[in-house]
């Protein structure tokens, strides 16, 4: 019994300490102050308290659980953001991501300026303050790893991180409030403006009806017409001229003058498609009727053999007029381009005869229970490749030492690429949202508990005899100066909606508490859209910038 309570090398003692720190941290993290909670980050502060009062864990075990927890968290973050990482740079995402890069660069500039004009505080400690101020725990882990490789033996930078973090959360929210007061923003009007803007730029497929009035198309097959127009569309229903029966046409179905067709396409292609067919049908016409013999169902891709298969390789012409009109993936509605690769977990909206839909559903699987089994092989192959990528030296001109992505950057890059291109390589990377969230939370909890236990001795001392209050002051400057500048630019130069600005601030600092605060300002998901748009790039840049700064300024820092 005594060894369980006192021996740092005892397995029972190690498990007991971690269980105590993580469970108590998660419980306290649910407490809200003015509507804001620290969530899983409170595990760090409980770990600091436990370490300060003498709870110890064998150093090698502490290091292993810290690094493994960080890898788990980073890898599943990469898998989550991978599908949307590259698409986030399109249209309005370019501006939001550009502003995010600006916010990150400004925070680095402020950090370096404070370091250069400070007296006696090293760059490693300032990087700890920096990551606490921008509330980015993975960046802290990556910087700690880089310092260990460089042989750093100074103050544990997790102490500076912990000092700056609480006011970092407050500072982000305060920056959003300052922007709101500065521009005298009316939240209700911002809601209406956002709704109108989203309706104009939505990439989700739309439906409309056309009447074949172009004599050139009389007797032409839909597949030929699709090539003539040069715009992707799906014809989900057809009503022949002078008839009342509705059918689901296939690629070889011929159309005739007077036919009414229900078309699914992207909004930007609507005018071109209508012009080519002849004219838009009477607004009163709607082939989507309850008594139509054509059925519409949503089937789920669960058969592993379908992972990575292109839509055109499904040969829908073999299914008696069955059509895929849209694909739902990771919360997004996607147009079913013929070159699009299917992924496990995709939900396909299919239209056609009931018997054809049944045959097609059996081919793609449509057994949601199968998705409950995680693809463990892909996960560990991805982690293995990520670690190998992380230890590869990357030479950068002007930097005396090659850069390494490390245990944080390597798995992140590989996970993003797997999330985006894995299905194209026939790799099953799908993991249920609940499983992914559990592994992420488990990983970050182990990491934060380990960091807190390792830095516990120095945290209280930093406030009593060290630079704890100074770290807090520096952290507020690093938090607020860049965000206020970027907020002003976003509003004054680009006229970005206020709710999107708050989401931008939360995403640029990868800060969920700010996103929770944004949810109290509006019932719309406007802030969440901006957050998810910039989050992937922000997370990637936050993780690698600390290491790059160390390599560039290490000589001056030491």
Protein backbone atom coordinates (compact mmCIF):
# COMPACT_ATOMS: atom_id res chain seq x y z
CA UNK A 1 0.00 0.00 0.00
CA UNK A 2 2.83 2.38 0.87
CA UNK A 3 4.56 1.84 -2.51
CA UNK A 4 1.35 2.67 -4.35
CA UNK A 5 1.22 6.06 -2.63
CA UNK A 6 4.91 6.97 -2.55
CA UNK A 7 6.94 5.09 -5.21
CA UNK A 8 7.24 7.15 -8.45
CA UNK A 9 8.24 3.99 -10.36
CA UNK A 10 5.26 1.89 -9.25
CA UNK A 11 2.76 1.27 -12.05
CA UNK A 12 -0.11 1.56 -9.59
CA UNK A 13 1.26 4.85 -8.27
CA UNK A 14 1.69 6.27 -11.79
CA UNK A 15 -1.86 5.32 -12.80
CA UNK A 16 -3.24 6.68 -9.54
CA UNK A 17 -1.50 10.04 -10.00
CA UNK A 18 -2.64 10.44 -13.62
CA UNK A 19 -6.20 9.36 -12.79
CA UNK A 20 -6.35 11.87 -9.93
CA UNK A 21 -4.88 14.78 -11.92
CA UNK A 22 -6.92 14.19 -15.08
CA UNK A 23 -10.28 13.48 -13.42
CA UNK A 24 -10.00 16.45 -11.03
CA UNK A 25 -8.75 18.72 -13.84
CA UNK A 26 -11.59 17.79 -16.16
CA UNK A 27 -14.15 18.29 -13.39
CA UNK A 28 -12.82 21.75 -12.46
CA UNK A 29 -12.49 22.62 -16.14
CA UNK A 30 -16.29 22.51 -16.47
CA UNK A 31 -16.74 25.40 -14.05
CA UNK A 32 -17.78 28.56 -15.94
CA UNK A 33 -16.77 32.06 -14.92
CA UNK A 34 -18.74 34.72 -16.83
CA UNK A 35 -19.76 32.01 -19.28
CA UNK A 36 -16.18 30.86 -20.02
CA UNK A 37 -14.49 27.64 -18.88
CA UNK A 38 -10.94 26.35 -19.40
CA UNK A 39 -12.06 22.82 -20.24
CA UNK A 40 -9.34 20.20 -20.52
CA UNK A 41 -6.61 22.86 -20.02
CA UNK A 42 -7.43 22.86 -16.29
CA UNK A 43 -5.66 19.48 -16.17
CA UNK A 44 -2.40 21.45 -16.54
CA UNK A 45 -3.10 23.52 -13.43
CA UNK A 46 -4.10 20.51 -11.36
CA UNK A 47 -0.88 18.83 -12.54
CA UNK A 48 1.11 21.89 -11.44
CA UNK A 49 -0.53 21.75 -8.01
CA UNK A 50 0.09 18.00 -7.71
CA UNK A 51 3.74 18.42 -8.68
CA UNK A 52 4.14 21.31 -6.26
CA UNK A 53 2.79 19.26 -3.34
CA UNK A 54 5.10 16.33 -4.00
CA UNK A 55 3.27 13.87 -6.27
CA UNK A 56 5.93 12.43 -8.56
CA UNK A 57 6.10 10.10 -11.55
CA UNK A 58 9.21 8.33 -12.84
CA UNK A 59 10.79 10.78 -15.36
CA UNK A 60 11.03 8.31 -18.26
CA UNK A 61 7.38 7.36 -17.90
CA UNK A 62 6.47 11.04 -17.59
CA UNK A 63 8.33 11.78 -20.85
CA UNK A 64 6.76 8.86 -22.70
CA UNK A 65 3.16 9.71 -21.71
CA UNK A 66 3.76 13.37 -22.51
CA UNK A 67 5.06 12.67 -26.03
CA UNK A 68 2.60 9.88 -26.80
CA UNK A 69 -0.31 12.02 -25.62
CA UNK A 70 0.88 14.89 -27.83
CA UNK A 71 1.20 12.60 -30.86
CA UNK A 72 -2.31 11.19 -30.35
CA UNK A 73 -3.82 14.65 -30.06
CA UNK A 74 -1.94 16.11 -33.02
CA UNK A 75 -2.57 13.12 -35.30
CA UNK A 76 -6.33 13.09 -34.81
CA UNK A 77 -6.50 16.87 -35.17
CA UNK A 78 -4.76 16.40 -38.54
CA UNK A 79 -7.19 13.69 -39.64
CA UNK A 80 -10.10 15.93 -38.67
CA UNK A 81 -8.93 19.03 -40.54
CA UNK A 82 -7.33 17.20 -43.48
CA UNK A 83 -10.39 17.08 -45.76
CA UNK A 84 -10.99 20.83 -45.38
CA UNK A 85 -7.36 22.02 -45.08
CA UNK A 86 -6.79 22.80 -48.77
CA UNK A 87 -10.37 23.77 -49.59
CA UNK A 88 -10.22 26.42 -46.83
CA UNK A 89 -8.05 28.56 -49.10
CA UNK A 90 -10.84 29.04 -51.63
CA UNK A 91 -13.01 32.15 -52.05
CA UNK A 92 -13.55 33.95 -48.71
CA UNK A 93 -11.22 31.49 -47.01
CA UNK A 94 -8.25 33.18 -48.68
CA UNK A 95 -8.93 36.45 -46.87
CA UNK A 96 -9.60 34.78 -43.51
CA UNK A 97 -6.48 32.61 -43.74
CA UNK A 98 -4.43 35.61 -44.86
CA UNK A 99 -5.57 37.52 -41.79
CA UNK A 100 -4.75 34.49 -39.67
CA UNK A 101 -1.21 34.43 -41.03
CA UNK A 102 -1.02 38.14 -40.23
CA UNK A 103 -2.16 37.53 -36.65
CA UNK A 104 0.43 34.78 -36.19
CA UNK A 105 3.24 36.91 -37.64
CA UNK A 106 2.26 39.87 -35.46
CA UNK A 107 2.23 37.70 -32.33
CA UNK A 108 5.72 36.48 -33.22
CA UNK A 109 6.93 40.06 -33.83
CA UNK A 110 5.52 41.22 -30.48
CA UNK A 111 7.13 38.24 -28.74
CA UNK A 112 10.54 38.92 -30.30
CA UNK A 113 10.29 42.65 -29.55
CA UNK A 114 9.50 42.01 -25.88
CA UNK A 115 12.33 39.47 -25.65
CA UNK A 116 14.88 41.83 -27.18
CA UNK A 117 13.93 44.69 -24.84
CA UNK A 118 13.50 42.57 -21.72
CA UNK A 119 16.19 42.14 -19.13
CA UNK A 120 17.46 38.65 -18.49
CA UNK A 121 14.54 36.56 -19.76
CA UNK A 122 15.61 34.02 -22.38
CA UNK A 123 13.90 33.23 -25.66
CA UNK A 124 12.74 29.76 -24.49
CA UNK A 125 10.81 31.33 -21.59
CA UNK A 126 9.35 33.94 -23.94
CA UNK A 127 8.19 31.16 -26.25
CA UNK A 128 6.46 29.59 -23.25
CA UNK A 129 4.75 32.94 -22.62
CA UNK A 130 3.94 33.18 -26.33
CA UNK A 131 2.17 29.82 -26.47
CA UNK A 132 0.31 30.51 -23.24
CA UNK A 133 -0.80 33.87 -24.61
CA UNK A 134 -2.13 32.29 -27.81
CA UNK A 135 -3.49 29.28 -25.86
CA UNK A 136 -1.78 26.75 -28.13
CA UNK A 137 -0.74 23.64 -26.19
CA UNK A 138 0.58 21.59 -29.16
CA UNK A 139 2.95 24.45 -30.01
CA UNK A 140 4.26 24.31 -26.46
CA UNK A 141 4.88 20.58 -26.83
CA UNK A 142 6.69 21.00 -30.15
CA UNK A 143 8.89 23.76 -28.69
CA UNK A 144 9.72 21.67 -25.61
CA UNK A 145 10.77 18.82 -27.87
CA UNK A 146 12.96 21.12 -29.97
CA UNK A 147 14.61 22.50 -26.82
CA UNK A 148 15.36 18.97 -25.60
CA UNK A 149 17.05 18.15 -28.92
CA UNK A 150 19.15 21.35 -28.62
CA UNK A 151 20.27 20.40 -25.13
CA UNK A 152 18.41 23.17 -23.29
CA UNK A 153 18.65 22.82 -19.50
CA UNK A 154 17.13 26.10 -18.29
CA UNK A 155 13.78 26.95 -16.76
CA UNK A 156 10.87 24.71 -17.74
CA UNK A 157 8.96 26.80 -20.29
CA UNK A 158 5.69 25.19 -19.17
CA UNK A 159 5.87 27.49 -16.12
CA UNK A 160 5.80 30.58 -18.34
CA UNK A 161 3.04 28.98 -20.42
CA UNK A 162 0.89 28.34 -17.33
CA UNK A 163 1.41 31.90 -16.09
CA UNK A 164 0.27 33.44 -19.38
CA UNK A 165 -2.54 31.04 -20.29
CA UNK A 166 -5.46 32.23 -18.07
CA UNK A 167 -5.15 35.86 -19.11
CA UNK A 168 -4.61 34.66 -22.68
CA UNK A 169 -8.15 33.28 -22.72
CA UNK A 170 -9.50 36.47 -21.17
CA UNK A 171 -7.43 38.64 -23.53
CA UNK A 172 -8.85 37.01 -26.66
CA UNK A 173 -12.42 37.62 -25.51
CA UNK A 174 -11.56 41.15 -24.39
CA UNK A 175 -10.07 41.86 -27.83
CA UNK A 176 -13.35 40.77 -29.45
CA UNK A 177 -15.28 43.07 -27.10
CA UNK A 178 -12.99 46.01 -27.93
CA UNK A 179 -13.58 45.53 -31.67
CA UNK A 180 -17.32 45.40 -31.04
CA UNK A 181 -17.26 48.68 -29.07
CA UNK A 182 -14.83 50.36 -31.44
CA UNK A 183 -17.08 49.85 -34.47
CA UNK A 184 -20.38 50.13 -32.52
CA UNK A 185 -21.55 46.79 -33.86
CA UNK A 186 -25.20 45.69 -33.67
CA UNK A 187 -25.24 41.90 -33.24
CA UNK A 188 -28.73 41.41 -34.73
CA UNK A 189 -27.77 43.31 -37.88
CA UNK A 190 -24.58 41.26 -38.18
CA UNK A 191 -26.70 38.07 -38.05
CA UNK A 192 -28.89 39.26 -40.92
CA UNK A 193 -25.90 40.37 -43.01
CA UNK A 194 -24.17 37.03 -42.48
CA UNK A 195 -27.25 35.06 -43.54
CA UNK A 196 -27.58 37.10 -46.74
CA UNK A 197 -23.89 36.70 -47.54
CA UNK A 198 -23.92 32.94 -46.96
CA UNK A 199 -26.92 32.51 -49.24
CA UNK A 200 -25.01 34.24 -52.05
CA UNK A 201 -21.74 32.30 -51.76
CA UNK A 202 -22.89 28.82 -50.71
CA UNK A 203 -21.12 26.00 -52.57
CA UNK A 204 -23.85 23.49 -51.72
CA UNK A 205 -25.67 22.01 -54.73
CA UNK A 206 -29.03 23.55 -55.67
CA UNK A 207 -32.07 22.15 -57.49
CA UNK A 208 -34.10 23.79 -60.24
CA UNK A 209 -36.28 22.78 -63.21
CA UNK A 210 -35.62 23.44 -66.90
CA UNK A 211 -37.74 22.98 -69.99
CA UNK A 212 -36.02 21.63 -73.10
CA UNK A 213 -36.66 24.38 -75.65
CA UNK A 214 -33.38 24.19 -77.55
CA UNK A 215 -34.12 22.32 -80.80
CA UNK A 216 -30.49 21.20 -81.06
CA UNK A 217 -30.97 19.00 -77.97
CA UNK A 218 -33.97 17.11 -79.37
CA UNK A 219 -33.05 13.41 -79.29
CA UNK A 220 -29.67 13.96 -77.57
CA UNK A 221 -28.56 11.78 -74.65
CA UNK A 222 -27.94 13.45 -71.29
CA UNK A 223 -24.32 12.29 -71.30
CA UNK A 224 -23.74 14.08 -74.61
CA UNK A 225 -25.51 17.20 -73.39
CA UNK A 226 -23.29 17.25 -70.30
CA UNK A 227 -20.22 17.30 -72.56
CA UNK A 228 -21.72 20.02 -74.78
CA UNK A 229 -22.48 22.33 -71.87
CA UNK A 230 -19.16 21.77 -70.14
CA UNK A 231 -20.79 22.29 -66.74
CA UNK A 232 -21.26 19.46 -64.21
CA UNK A 233 -24.89 18.69 -63.44
CA UNK A 234 -27.14 15.77 -62.51
CA UNK A 235 -30.61 15.24 -63.97
CA UNK A 236 -32.49 13.51 -61.15
CA UNK A 237 -36.03 13.45 -62.62
CA UNK A 238 -37.62 13.77 -66.06
CA UNK A 239 -41.18 14.36 -67.19
CA UNK A 240 -41.61 13.72 -70.90
CA UNK A 241 -43.49 16.32 -72.98
CA UNK A 242 -47.26 15.90 -72.74
CA UNK A 243 -47.03 13.17 -70.05
CA UNK A 244 -47.63 13.13 -66.32
CA UNK A 245 -45.36 10.23 -65.35
CA UNK A 246 -42.03 11.09 -63.73
CA UNK A 247 -38.93 8.93 -64.30
CA UNK A 248 -35.30 8.89 -63.20
CA UNK A 249 -33.14 9.26 -66.33
CA UNK A 250 -29.76 7.65 -66.90
CA UNK A 251 -26.76 8.92 -68.89
CA UNK A 252 -28.12 7.39 -72.12
CA UNK A 253 -31.64 8.78 -71.70
CA UNK A 254 -32.63 10.98 -74.64
CA UNK A 255 -34.45 14.23 -74.07
CA UNK A 256 -36.96 15.87 -76.40
CA UNK A 257 -38.37 19.32 -76.91
CA UNK A 258 -40.91 20.10 -74.17
CA UNK A 259 -39.42 17.72 -71.58
CA UNK A 260 -39.22 19.01 -67.99
CA UNK A 261 -36.01 18.11 -66.15
CA UNK A 262 -35.10 18.48 -62.48
CA UNK A 263 -31.44 19.54 -62.38
CA UNK A 264 -28.93 19.43 -59.51
CA UNK A 265 -25.82 21.58 -59.90
CA UNK A 266 -23.80 24.26 -58.20
CA UNK A 267 -25.42 27.69 -58.10
CA UNK A 268 -22.71 29.27 -60.25
CA UNK A 269 -23.63 26.97 -63.16
CA UNK A 270 -27.40 27.48 -63.04
CA UNK A 271 -27.67 30.30 -65.61
CA UNK A 272 -25.45 28.51 -68.15
CA UNK A 273 -27.42 25.26 -67.85
CA UNK A 274 -30.78 27.02 -68.20
CA UNK A 275 -29.56 28.97 -71.24
CA UNK A 276 -28.36 25.80 -72.95
CA UNK A 277 -31.55 23.81 -72.35
CA UNK A 278 -33.70 26.71 -73.47
CA UNK A 279 -35.55 28.15 -70.51
CA UNK A 280 -36.37 27.66 -66.84
CA UNK A 281 -39.59 25.72 -66.22
CA UNK A 282 -42.73 27.31 -64.84
CA UNK A 283 -42.18 28.02 -61.09
CA UNK A 284 -45.29 25.99 -60.30
CA UNK A 285 -43.65 22.86 -61.71
CA UNK A 286 -42.08 20.56 -59.14
CA UNK A 287 -41.21 16.96 -60.05
CA UNK A 288 -40.37 16.23 -56.42
CA UNK A 289 -43.88 15.10 -55.49
CA UNK A 290 -44.96 12.64 -52.78
CA UNK A 291 -46.67 10.43 -55.38
CA UNK A 292 -43.68 10.23 -57.72
CA UNK A 293 -42.60 6.69 -58.66
CA UNK A 294 -39.03 7.88 -58.29
CA UNK A 295 -37.59 7.35 -54.82
CA UNK A 296 -34.92 9.32 -52.97
CA UNK A 297 -32.84 7.84 -50.17
CA UNK A 298 -29.58 8.47 -48.37
CA UNK A 299 -27.13 5.56 -48.30
CA UNK A 300 -23.82 5.39 -46.44
CA UNK A 301 -20.50 4.16 -47.80
CA UNK A 302 -19.40 1.45 -45.35
CA UNK A 303 -17.85 -1.21 -47.62
CA UNK A 304 -14.03 -0.84 -47.44
CA UNK A 305 -13.74 -1.79 -51.12
CA UNK A 306 -15.59 1.44 -51.99
CA UNK A 307 -13.04 3.64 -50.22
CA UNK A 308 -11.24 5.71 -52.86
CA UNK A 309 -13.49 4.66 -55.75
CA UNK A 310 -14.34 7.53 -58.09
CA UNK A 311 -17.97 8.39 -58.78
CA UNK A 312 -17.55 7.66 -62.50
CA UNK A 313 -16.24 4.17 -61.69
CA UNK A 314 -19.55 3.28 -60.03
CA UNK A 315 -21.09 2.94 -63.53
CA UNK A 316 -24.46 4.29 -62.46
CA UNK A 317 -25.86 3.53 -65.94
CA UNK A 318 -26.06 -0.12 -64.81
CA UNK A 319 -28.64 0.79 -62.17
CA UNK A 320 -31.68 1.64 -64.32
CA UNK A 321 -31.64 5.41 -64.08
CA UNK A 322 -30.17 5.82 -60.59
CA UNK A 323 -28.40 9.13 -59.89
CA UNK A 324 -26.28 10.50 -57.05
CA UNK A 325 -27.41 14.10 -56.53
CA UNK A 326 -25.21 15.13 -53.61
CA UNK A 327 -22.71 13.79 -51.10
CA UNK A 328 -22.59 14.67 -47.39
CA UNK A 329 -19.06 14.55 -45.98
CA UNK A 330 -17.69 15.82 -42.66
CA UNK A 331 -20.64 18.16 -42.21
CA UNK A 332 -20.39 19.54 -45.76
CA UNK A 333 -22.64 19.09 -48.78
CA UNK A 334 -20.53 18.21 -51.83
CA UNK A 335 -21.46 18.03 -55.51
CA UNK A 336 -20.84 14.48 -56.89
CA UNK A 337 -18.22 15.28 -59.52
CA UNK A 338 -17.36 12.27 -61.65
CA UNK A 339 -13.71 12.47 -60.54
CA UNK A 340 -14.59 12.69 -56.83
CA UNK A 341 -13.17 9.86 -54.68
CA UNK A 342 -15.60 8.31 -52.22
CA UNK A 343 -14.60 7.95 -48.58
CA UNK A 344 -15.82 5.63 -45.86
CA UNK A 345 -18.54 7.46 -43.98
CA UNK A 346 -19.77 9.44 -46.99
CA UNK A 347 -23.58 9.71 -47.16
CA UNK A 348 -24.90 9.66 -50.72
CA UNK A 349 -28.27 11.15 -51.68
CA UNK A 350 -29.48 8.83 -54.45
CA UNK A 351 -32.55 9.13 -56.67
CA UNK A 352 -34.06 6.40 -58.82
CA UNK A 353 -36.28 3.31 -58.87
CA UNK A 354 -36.60 1.64 -55.48
CA UNK A 355 -35.15 -1.65 -56.71
CA UNK A 356 -32.11 0.13 -58.20
CA UNK A 357 -31.50 1.99 -54.94
CA UNK A 358 -31.62 -1.29 -53.00
CA UNK A 359 -29.03 -2.86 -55.34
CA UNK A 360 -26.78 0.19 -55.14
CA UNK A 361 -27.06 0.40 -51.34
CA UNK A 362 -25.89 -3.20 -50.99
CA UNK A 363 -22.90 -2.42 -53.19
CA UNK A 364 -21.63 0.56 -51.17
CA UNK A 365 -22.44 -1.18 -47.87
CA UNK A 366 -25.02 1.02 -46.15
CA UNK A 367 -24.39 -0.78 -42.85
CA UNK A 368 -23.62 2.00 -40.39
CA UNK A 369 -22.67 -0.45 -37.66
CA UNK A 370 -19.48 -1.24 -39.58
CA UNK A 371 -18.29 2.35 -39.13
CA UNK A 372 -18.12 1.82 -35.38
CA UNK A 373 -14.96 -0.26 -35.84
CA UNK A 374 -11.92 2.06 -36.07
CA UNK A 375 -9.27 1.56 -38.75
CA UNK A 376 -6.41 0.86 -36.36
CA UNK A 377 -3.93 -0.10 -39.11
CA UNK A 378 -4.22 3.26 -40.87
CA UNK A 379 -3.84 5.10 -37.57
CA UNK A 380 -0.60 3.41 -36.54
CA UNK A 381 0.82 3.42 -40.06
CA UNK A 382 0.12 7.15 -40.16
CA UNK A 383 1.76 7.72 -36.76
CA UNK A 384 4.79 5.66 -37.82
CA UNK A 385 5.22 7.62 -41.06
CA UNK A 386 4.62 10.87 -39.18
CA UNK A 387 7.41 10.13 -36.71
CA UNK A 388 9.79 9.25 -39.57
CA UNK A 389 8.87 12.47 -41.37
CA UNK A 390 9.35 14.38 -38.12
CA UNK A 391 12.98 13.27 -37.71
CA UNK A 392 13.99 14.09 -41.29
CA UNK A 393 16.26 17.19 -41.42
CA UNK A 394 14.99 20.00 -43.68
CA UNK A 395 17.63 22.50 -44.81
CA UNK A 396 16.46 26.14 -44.94
CA UNK A 397 18.73 28.77 -46.53
CA UNK A 398 20.15 31.12 -43.91
CA UNK A 399 19.42 28.78 -41.00
CA UNK A 400 22.60 27.15 -39.66
CA UNK A 401 20.85 24.00 -38.38
CA UNK A 402 18.40 21.89 -40.43
CA UNK A 403 14.77 22.10 -39.33
CA UNK A 404 12.94 19.00 -38.12
CA UNK A 405 9.17 18.85 -37.85
CA UNK A 406 9.54 16.70 -34.73
CA UNK A 407 7.05 14.51 -32.91
CA UNK A 408 4.37 17.19 -33.25
CA UNK A 409 4.88 18.56 -36.76
CA UNK A 410 5.58 15.24 -38.51
CA UNK A 411 2.40 13.42 -37.45
CA UNK A 412 0.38 16.61 -38.08
CA UNK A 413 1.57 16.94 -41.70
CA UNK A 414 1.08 13.23 -42.42
CA UNK A 415 -2.38 13.21 -40.80
CA UNK A 416 -3.50 16.21 -42.86
CA UNK A 417 -2.31 14.53 -46.05
CA UNK A 418 -3.95 11.22 -45.07
CA UNK A 419 -7.20 12.96 -44.22
CA UNK A 420 -7.19 14.65 -47.62
CA UNK A 421 -5.60 12.07 -49.94
CA UNK A 422 -5.90 8.79 -48.01
CA UNK A 423 -9.03 7.61 -49.86
CA UNK A 424 -7.33 8.35 -53.21
CA UNK A 425 -4.63 5.87 -52.13
CA UNK A 426 -7.34 3.40 -50.99
CA UNK A 427 -6.41 3.94 -47.32
CA UNK A 428 -9.35 3.79 -44.91
CA UNK A 429 -8.78 6.78 -42.60
CA UNK A 430 -12.37 7.14 -41.39
CA UNK A 431 -12.86 7.25 -37.63
CA UNK A 432 -16.17 7.97 -35.97
CA UNK A 433 -16.42 11.45 -34.48
CA UNK A 434 -16.87 10.04 -30.96
CA UNK A 435 -13.79 7.80 -31.24
CA UNK A 436 -11.69 10.63 -32.69
CA UNK A 437 -12.80 13.04 -29.97
CA UNK A 438 -12.11 10.52 -27.22
CA UNK A 439 -8.58 9.79 -28.43
CA UNK A 440 -7.86 13.50 -28.88
CA UNK A 441 -9.09 14.31 -25.39
CA UNK A 442 -7.19 11.36 -23.91
CA UNK A 443 -4.00 12.43 -25.66
CA UNK A 444 -4.17 16.08 -24.63
CA UNK A 445 -5.12 15.11 -21.06
CA UNK A 446 -2.02 12.88 -20.74
CA UNK A 447 0.13 15.62 -22.25
CA UNK A 448 -1.15 18.39 -19.97
CA UNK A 449 -0.97 16.21 -16.86
CA UNK A 450 2.63 15.28 -17.69
CA UNK A 451 3.64 18.88 -18.36
CA UNK A 452 2.01 20.04 -15.13
CA UNK A 453 3.62 17.32 -13.00
CA UNK A 454 7.05 18.11 -14.47
CA UNK A 455 6.75 21.88 -13.92
CA UNK A 456 5.00 21.85 -10.55
CA UNK A 457 8.08 22.78 -8.52
CA UNK A 458 8.69 25.98 -10.43
CA UNK A 459 5.17 27.36 -10.86
CA UNK A 460 4.57 28.73 -7.36
CA UNK A 461 8.17 29.86 -7.14
CA UNK A 462 7.70 31.86 -10.36
CA UNK A 463 5.15 34.09 -8.61
CA UNK A 464 6.91 34.25 -5.24
CA UNK A 465 10.52 34.69 -6.33
CA UNK A 466 10.50 34.77 -10.13
CA UNK A 467 8.90 36.35 -13.18
CA UNK A 468 5.36 34.97 -12.87
CA UNK A 469 3.58 38.33 -12.87
CA UNK A 470 5.90 39.63 -15.58
CA UNK A 471 5.01 36.61 -17.72
CA UNK A 472 1.34 37.43 -17.26
CA UNK A 473 1.86 41.04 -18.33
CA UNK A 474 3.90 40.10 -21.37
CA UNK A 475 1.31 37.46 -22.27
CA UNK A 476 -1.54 39.98 -22.33
CA UNK A 477 0.41 42.15 -24.80
CA UNK A 478 1.20 39.14 -27.02
CA UNK A 479 -2.47 38.15 -26.94
CA UNK A 480 -4.22 41.44 -27.52
CA UNK A 481 -2.02 43.63 -29.72
CA UNK A 482 -2.08 41.30 -32.78
CA UNK A 483 -5.77 40.44 -32.42
CA UNK A 484 -6.92 44.05 -32.11
CA UNK A 485 -4.84 45.09 -35.14
CA UNK A 486 -6.14 42.19 -37.23
CA UNK A 487 -9.70 42.81 -36.02
CA UNK A 488 -9.50 46.45 -37.14
CA UNK A 489 -8.06 45.47 -40.53
CA UNK A 490 -10.70 42.75 -40.99
CA UNK A 491 -13.54 45.15 -40.29
CA UNK A 492 -12.26 48.40 -41.82
CA UNK A 493 -10.46 47.07 -44.91
CA UNK A 494 -12.36 43.86 -45.74
CA UNK A 495 -15.73 44.66 -44.08
CA UNK A 496 -15.86 41.17 -42.57
CA UNK A 497 -18.89 40.27 -40.47
CA UNK A 498 -18.27 40.71 -36.73
CA UNK A 499 -19.25 37.13 -35.89
CA UNK A 500 -16.71 35.90 -38.44
CA UNK A 501 -14.08 38.16 -36.85
CA UNK A 502 -14.71 36.55 -33.45
CA UNK A 503 -14.43 33.12 -35.09
CA UNK A 504 -11.22 34.27 -36.78
CA UNK A 505 -9.77 35.34 -33.41
CA UNK A 506 -10.72 32.01 -31.83
CA UNK A 507 -9.30 30.03 -34.77
CA UNK A 508 -6.06 32.02 -35.04
CA UNK A 509 -5.39 31.24 -31.37
CA UNK A 510 -6.92 27.72 -31.60
CA UNK A 511 -8.97 28.66 -28.55
CA UNK A 512 -12.25 26.74 -27.94
CA UNK A 513 -13.30 28.89 -24.92
CA UNK A 514 -13.51 31.93 -27.22
CA UNK A 515 -15.63 29.93 -29.65
CA UNK A 516 -17.94 29.06 -26.73
CA UNK A 517 -18.16 32.78 -25.94
CA UNK A 518 -18.98 33.50 -29.60
CA UNK A 519 -21.89 31.04 -29.39
CA UNK A 520 -23.47 33.29 -26.73
CA UNK A 521 -23.49 36.22 -29.18
CA UNK A 522 -25.46 34.53 -31.95
CA UNK A 523 -27.64 31.49 -32.56
CA UNK A 524 -26.13 31.16 -36.03
CA UNK A 525 -22.97 29.16 -36.67
CA UNK A 526 -21.21 32.13 -38.28
CA UNK A 527 -18.28 32.18 -35.82
CA UNK A 528 -17.88 28.40 -36.05
CA UNK A 529 -17.61 28.60 -39.86
CA UNK A 530 -14.78 31.15 -39.66
CA UNK A 531 -13.13 29.16 -36.85
CA UNK A 532 -13.11 25.92 -38.86
CA UNK A 533 -11.86 27.79 -41.95
CA UNK A 534 -8.70 29.14 -40.31
CA UNK A 535 -8.10 26.51 -37.61
CA UNK A 536 -6.12 24.00 -39.76
CA UNK A 537 -3.59 26.55 -41.02
CA UNK A 538 -3.35 28.26 -37.62
CA UNK A 539 -2.65 24.98 -35.83
CA UNK A 540 0.01 24.02 -38.38
CA UNK A 541 1.78 27.38 -38.22
CA UNK A 542 1.61 27.61 -34.43
CA UNK A 543 3.28 24.22 -34.10
CA UNK A 544 6.22 24.87 -36.45
CA UNK A 545 6.93 28.57 -35.80
CA UNK A 546 8.35 28.05 -32.31
CA UNK A 547 10.93 25.60 -33.63
CA UNK A 548 11.85 27.89 -36.52
CA UNK A 549 12.36 30.83 -34.14
CA UNK A 550 14.62 28.72 -31.94
CA UNK A 551 16.76 27.69 -34.90
CA UNK A 552 17.07 31.24 -36.21
CA UNK A 553 17.76 32.95 -32.87
CA UNK A 554 19.32 30.13 -30.86
CA UNK A 555 22.83 31.60 -30.96
CA UNK A 556 21.55 34.97 -29.76
CA UNK A 557 19.32 33.29 -27.18
CA UNK A 558 22.19 31.38 -25.64
